[in-house]
Amino acid sequence: MEGAPVFYVDWLAVIMVMIVSVIGSIIAVYALPYMKEHERHLGMPEAESRRPGFFLIIMVFLGAMNGLVLADDLRWVFFFWEMTTLCSFLLIRHDGTDEANANALRPYG
């Protein structure tokens, strides 16, 4: 359908967007000091910090979740669903350690 809206906003969608945005923001704010301590624990120098990339992926993940809630076409639902999957993979392996890579690639079952 040409010209059909890609997104649909109703009250349920607004509530879900608010939940995703508020809880996602709380998680991102909580992660700020946590990630600094995590990198220090890994022995990563401050100059090699991977935090900006981590928070970029978090923001893309939250945007994809909001897009998933608002999508009015099954193709867009699939696209945003796959974006959340890709972001999850990137968030799990963001340390770049062997353990993080193995956990990101772990098969189901």
N, C-alpha and C. Protein backbone atom coordinates (compact mmCIF):
# COMPACT_ATOMS: atom_id res chain seq x y z
N MET A 1 0.83 -1.18 0.00
CA MET A 1 0.00 0.00 0.00
C MET A 1 0.87 1.24 0.00
N GLU A 2 0.83 1.95 -1.05
CA GLU A 2 1.59 3.20 -1.15
C GLU A 2 0.93 4.26 -0.30
N GLY A 3 1.73 5.00 0.41
CA GLY A 3 1.22 6.10 1.21
C GLY A 3 0.62 5.68 2.54
N ALA A 4 0.64 4.37 2.85
CA ALA A 4 0.11 3.92 4.14
C ALA A 4 1.06 4.34 5.25
N PRO A 5 0.54 4.71 6.39
CA PRO A 5 1.41 5.13 7.48
C PRO A 5 2.27 3.97 7.99
N VAL A 6 3.51 4.29 8.32
CA VAL A 6 4.45 3.28 8.81
C VAL A 6 4.22 3.06 10.30
N PHE A 7 3.85 4.11 11.02
CA PHE A 7 3.64 4.03 12.46
C PHE A 7 2.20 4.34 12.81
N TYR A 8 1.74 3.72 13.88
CA TYR A 8 0.39 3.96 14.37
C TYR A 8 0.48 4.24 15.86
N VAL A 9 -0.12 5.35 16.29
CA VAL A 9 -0.06 5.74 17.70
C VAL A 9 -1.46 5.69 18.28
N ASP A 10 -1.62 4.85 19.29
CA ASP A 10 -2.84 4.82 20.08
C ASP A 10 -2.42 4.89 21.55
N TRP A 11 -3.37 4.80 22.46
CA TRP A 11 -3.03 4.95 23.87
C TRP A 11 -2.15 3.83 24.38
N LEU A 12 -2.36 2.61 23.92
CA LEU A 12 -1.51 1.50 24.34
C LEU A 12 -0.08 1.73 23.87
N ALA A 13 0.07 2.19 22.62
CA ALA A 13 1.41 2.47 22.10
C ALA A 13 2.09 3.57 22.90
N VAL A 14 1.34 4.61 23.26
CA VAL A 14 1.91 5.70 24.06
C VAL A 14 2.37 5.19 25.42
N ILE A 15 1.56 4.35 26.05
CA ILE A 15 1.93 3.78 27.34
C ILE A 15 3.20 2.93 27.21
N MET A 16 3.25 2.10 26.17
CA MET A 16 4.43 1.25 25.97
C MET A 16 5.68 2.07 25.66
N VAL A 17 5.54 3.12 24.87
CA VAL A 17 6.69 4.00 24.57
C VAL A 17 7.17 4.66 25.86
N MET A 18 6.25 5.08 26.71
CA MET A 18 6.64 5.69 27.98
C MET A 18 7.36 4.68 28.87
N ILE A 19 6.87 3.45 28.92
CA ILE A 19 7.52 2.42 29.73
C ILE A 19 8.93 2.15 29.22
N VAL A 20 9.06 1.95 27.91
CA VAL A 20 10.37 1.69 27.32
C VAL A 20 11.31 2.86 27.57
N SER A 21 10.83 4.07 27.36
CA SER A 21 11.68 5.25 27.50
C SER A 21 12.09 5.50 28.95
N VAL A 22 11.16 5.38 29.87
CA VAL A 22 11.49 5.65 31.28
C VAL A 22 12.41 4.56 31.84
N ILE A 23 12.04 3.30 31.66
CA ILE A 23 12.87 2.22 32.19
C ILE A 23 14.22 2.18 31.47
N GLY A 24 14.22 2.39 30.17
CA GLY A 24 15.48 2.44 29.42
C GLY A 24 16.38 3.57 29.89
N SER A 25 15.80 4.72 30.18
CA SER A 25 16.59 5.85 30.69
C SER A 25 17.17 5.55 32.06
N ILE A 26 16.38 4.91 32.91
CA ILE A 26 16.88 4.53 34.24
C ILE A 26 18.05 3.56 34.11
N ILE A 27 17.93 2.60 33.21
CA ILE A 27 19.01 1.64 32.99
C ILE A 27 20.26 2.34 32.48
N ALA A 28 20.09 3.26 31.52
CA ALA A 28 21.25 3.97 30.97
C ALA A 28 21.93 4.83 32.03
N VAL A 29 21.16 5.51 32.87
CA VAL A 29 21.74 6.33 33.93
C VAL A 29 22.45 5.45 34.96
N TYR A 30 21.85 4.32 35.31
CA TYR A 30 22.48 3.40 36.24
C TYR A 30 23.78 2.85 35.67
N ALA A 31 23.83 2.64 34.36
CA ALA A 31 25.00 2.03 33.72
C ALA A 31 26.19 2.98 33.65
N LEU A 32 25.98 4.28 33.77
CA LEU A 32 27.11 5.22 33.68
C LEU A 32 28.22 4.89 34.68
N PRO A 33 27.96 4.91 35.98
CA PRO A 33 29.06 4.58 36.91
C PRO A 33 29.43 3.10 36.88
N TYR A 34 28.45 2.25 36.59
CA TYR A 34 28.72 0.81 36.54
C TYR A 34 29.74 0.49 35.45
N MET A 35 29.58 1.08 34.27
CA MET A 35 30.48 0.78 33.16
C MET A 35 31.90 1.27 33.44
N LYS A 36 32.03 2.41 34.12
CA LYS A 36 33.36 2.91 34.47
C LYS A 36 34.06 1.91 35.40
N GLU A 37 33.35 1.42 36.40
CA GLU A 37 33.91 0.44 37.33
C GLU A 37 34.19 -0.88 36.62
N HIS A 38 33.32 -1.26 35.72
CA HIS A 38 33.50 -2.51 34.96
C HIS A 38 34.78 -2.46 34.14
N GLU A 39 35.02 -1.34 33.46
CA GLU A 39 36.23 -1.22 32.65
C GLU A 39 37.48 -1.20 33.53
N ARG A 40 37.38 -0.56 34.68
CA ARG A 40 38.52 -0.55 35.60
C ARG A 40 38.81 -1.98 36.07
N HIS A 41 37.76 -2.74 36.35
CA HIS A 41 37.91 -4.13 36.78
C HIS A 41 38.58 -4.98 35.68
N LEU A 42 38.26 -4.69 34.43
CA LEU A 42 38.87 -5.42 33.31
C LEU A 42 40.30 -4.99 33.06
N GLY A 43 40.74 -3.89 33.69
CA GLY A 43 42.09 -3.39 33.48
C GLY A 43 42.22 -2.57 32.21
N MET A 44 41.11 -2.04 31.73
CA MET A 44 41.10 -1.26 30.50
C MET A 44 41.48 0.19 30.82
N PRO A 45 42.51 0.74 30.14
CA PRO A 45 42.87 2.14 30.39
C PRO A 45 41.74 3.08 29.98
N GLU A 46 41.67 4.23 30.65
CA GLU A 46 40.61 5.21 30.37
C GLU A 46 40.62 5.64 28.90
N ALA A 47 41.81 5.70 28.29
CA ALA A 47 41.92 6.13 26.89
C ALA A 47 41.25 5.14 25.94
N GLU A 48 41.13 3.88 26.35
CA GLU A 48 40.54 2.85 25.48
C GLU A 48 39.09 2.56 25.83
N SER A 49 38.44 3.47 26.53
CA SER A 49 37.08 3.25 26.99
C SER A 49 36.16 2.93 25.81
N ARG A 50 35.31 1.93 26.01
CA ARG A 50 34.33 1.55 25.00
C ARG A 50 32.93 2.00 25.40
N ARG A 51 32.86 2.86 26.43
CA ARG A 51 31.56 3.32 26.91
C ARG A 51 30.75 4.08 25.87
N PRO A 52 31.36 4.98 25.08
CA PRO A 52 30.52 5.69 24.09
C PRO A 52 29.81 4.73 23.12
N GLY A 53 30.51 3.71 22.67
CA GLY A 53 29.88 2.73 21.79
C GLY A 53 28.79 1.94 22.48
N PHE A 54 29.03 1.61 23.75
CA PHE A 54 28.03 0.89 24.53
C PHE A 54 26.75 1.70 24.64
N PHE A 55 26.87 2.99 24.97
CA PHE A 55 25.68 3.82 25.13
C PHE A 55 25.02 4.14 23.79
N LEU A 56 25.79 4.18 22.71
CA LEU A 56 25.19 4.33 21.38
C LEU A 56 24.30 3.12 21.08
N ILE A 57 24.80 1.94 21.38
CA ILE A 57 24.01 0.72 21.12
C ILE A 57 22.78 0.68 22.01
N ILE A 58 22.92 1.11 23.27
CA ILE A 58 21.76 1.18 24.17
C ILE A 58 20.68 2.09 23.57
N MET A 59 21.10 3.26 23.05
CA MET A 59 20.12 4.20 22.49
C MET A 59 19.47 3.64 21.22
N VAL A 60 20.25 2.96 20.38
CA VAL A 60 19.67 2.32 19.18
C VAL A 60 18.69 1.23 19.61
N PHE A 61 19.06 0.46 20.64
CA PHE A 61 18.18 -0.59 21.15
C PHE A 61 16.86 -0.01 21.64
N LEU A 62 16.91 1.08 22.41
CA LEU A 62 15.68 1.70 22.90
C LEU A 62 14.86 2.27 21.75
N GLY A 63 15.52 2.86 20.76
CA GLY A 63 14.80 3.36 19.59
C GLY A 63 14.13 2.24 18.82
N ALA A 64 14.83 1.11 18.69
CA ALA A 64 14.25 -0.04 17.98
C ALA A 64 13.06 -0.61 18.76
N MET A 65 13.15 -0.62 20.08
CA MET A 65 12.01 -1.10 20.88
C MET A 65 10.80 -0.17 20.71
N ASN A 66 11.06 1.13 20.70
CA ASN A 66 9.95 2.07 20.48
C ASN A 66 9.40 1.92 19.06
N GLY A 67 10.27 1.72 18.08
CA GLY A 67 9.80 1.49 16.72
C GLY A 67 8.96 0.23 16.61
N LEU A 68 9.36 -0.80 17.34
CA LEU A 68 8.60 -2.05 17.35
C LEU A 68 7.20 -1.83 17.91
N VAL A 69 7.09 -1.04 18.95
CA VAL A 69 5.79 -0.75 19.56
C VAL A 69 4.90 0.05 18.62
N LEU A 70 5.50 0.97 17.87
CA LEU A 70 4.72 1.88 17.03
C LEU A 70 4.49 1.38 15.60
N ALA A 71 5.18 0.31 15.18
CA ALA A 71 5.10 -0.16 13.80
C ALA A 71 3.67 -0.57 13.44
N ASP A 72 3.25 -0.17 12.23
CA ASP A 72 1.90 -0.48 11.76
C ASP A 72 1.94 -1.39 10.53
N ASP A 73 3.06 -2.04 10.33
CA ASP A 73 3.24 -2.92 9.18
C ASP A 73 4.14 -4.07 9.62
N LEU A 74 3.79 -5.27 9.22
CA LEU A 74 4.53 -6.45 9.66
C LEU A 74 5.99 -6.39 9.23
N ARG A 75 6.27 -5.79 8.07
CA ARG A 75 7.67 -5.65 7.62
C ARG A 75 8.47 -4.81 8.60
N TRP A 76 7.88 -3.73 9.09
CA TRP A 76 8.57 -2.87 10.05
C TRP A 76 8.69 -3.54 11.40
N VAL A 77 7.69 -4.31 11.80
CA VAL A 77 7.79 -5.08 13.04
C VAL A 77 8.98 -6.01 12.94
N PHE A 78 9.11 -6.73 11.82
CA PHE A 78 10.24 -7.64 11.62
C PHE A 78 11.56 -6.87 11.65
N PHE A 79 11.63 -5.73 10.97
CA PHE A 79 12.85 -4.92 10.94
C PHE A 79 13.27 -4.51 12.36
N PHE A 80 12.35 -3.94 13.12
CA PHE A 80 12.69 -3.49 14.46
C PHE A 80 13.00 -4.66 15.39
N TRP A 81 12.33 -5.78 15.21
CA TRP A 81 12.62 -6.97 16.00
C TRP A 81 14.06 -7.42 15.75
N GLU A 82 14.46 -7.44 14.50
CA GLU A 82 15.83 -7.83 14.16
C GLU A 82 16.85 -6.81 14.65
N MET A 83 16.47 -5.54 14.68
CA MET A 83 17.37 -4.52 15.23
C MET A 83 17.61 -4.76 16.72
N THR A 84 16.56 -5.12 17.46
CA THR A 84 16.75 -5.41 18.89
C THR A 84 17.64 -6.64 19.06
N THR A 85 17.51 -7.62 18.17
CA THR A 85 18.35 -8.81 18.24
C THR A 85 19.81 -8.45 17.99
N LEU A 86 20.07 -7.65 16.96
CA LEU A 86 21.43 -7.23 16.66
C LEU A 86 22.02 -6.41 17.81
N CYS A 87 21.25 -5.50 18.36
CA CYS A 87 21.73 -4.69 19.48
C CYS A 87 22.03 -5.57 20.70
N SER A 88 21.20 -6.56 20.96
CA SER A 88 21.45 -7.47 22.07
C SER A 88 22.78 -8.20 21.88
N PHE A 89 23.02 -8.68 20.68
CA PHE A 89 24.28 -9.34 20.37
C PHE A 89 25.45 -8.40 20.61
N LEU A 90 25.35 -7.16 20.12
CA LEU A 90 26.45 -6.20 20.27
C LEU A 90 26.65 -5.80 21.73
N LEU A 91 25.58 -5.70 22.50
CA LEU A 91 25.71 -5.35 23.92
C LEU A 91 26.37 -6.48 24.71
N ILE A 92 26.04 -7.72 24.38
CA ILE A 92 26.63 -8.85 25.10
C ILE A 92 28.12 -8.93 24.82
N ARG A 93 28.54 -8.67 23.59
CA ARG A 93 29.95 -8.85 23.25
C ARG A 93 30.75 -7.54 23.27
N HIS A 94 30.20 -6.49 23.85
CA HIS A 94 30.87 -5.19 23.75
C HIS A 94 32.24 -5.15 24.41
N ASP A 95 32.51 -6.03 25.40
CA ASP A 95 33.84 -6.06 26.03
C ASP A 95 34.92 -6.51 25.06
N GLY A 96 34.56 -7.38 24.14
CA GLY A 96 35.53 -7.90 23.19
C GLY A 96 36.38 -9.03 23.75
N THR A 97 36.08 -9.48 24.96
CA THR A 97 36.84 -10.59 25.54
C THR A 97 36.37 -11.91 24.91
N ASP A 98 37.18 -12.94 25.09
CA ASP A 98 36.80 -14.25 24.56
C ASP A 98 35.49 -14.74 25.20
N GLU A 99 35.35 -14.49 26.50
CA GLU A 99 34.13 -14.92 27.19
C GLU A 99 32.90 -14.17 26.66
N ALA A 100 33.04 -12.86 26.42
CA ALA A 100 31.91 -12.08 25.91
C ALA A 100 31.54 -12.54 24.50
N ASN A 101 32.54 -12.79 23.67
CA ASN A 101 32.26 -13.26 22.30
C ASN A 101 31.59 -14.62 22.32
N ALA A 102 32.06 -15.52 23.20
CA ALA A 102 31.44 -16.85 23.29
C ALA A 102 30.00 -16.75 23.78
N ASN A 103 29.75 -15.88 24.74
CA ASN A 103 28.38 -15.71 25.24
C ASN A 103 27.47 -15.10 24.18
N ALA A 104 27.99 -14.19 23.38
CA ALA A 104 27.16 -13.58 22.33
C ALA A 104 26.81 -14.58 21.24
N LEU A 105 27.68 -15.51 20.98
CA LEU A 105 27.46 -16.49 19.91
C LEU A 105 26.91 -17.81 20.41
N ARG A 106 26.57 -17.89 21.68
CA ARG A 106 26.06 -19.13 22.26
C ARG A 106 24.75 -19.53 21.58
N PRO A 107 24.67 -20.77 21.09
CA PRO A 107 23.42 -21.21 20.45
C PRO A 107 22.36 -21.50 21.50
N TYR A 108 21.13 -21.50 21.06
CA TYR A 108 20.01 -21.81 21.95
C TYR A 108 20.05 -23.28 22.30
N GLY A 109 19.54 -23.61 23.47
CA GLY A 109 19.36 -25.01 23.83
C GLY A 109 20.33 -25.53 24.75
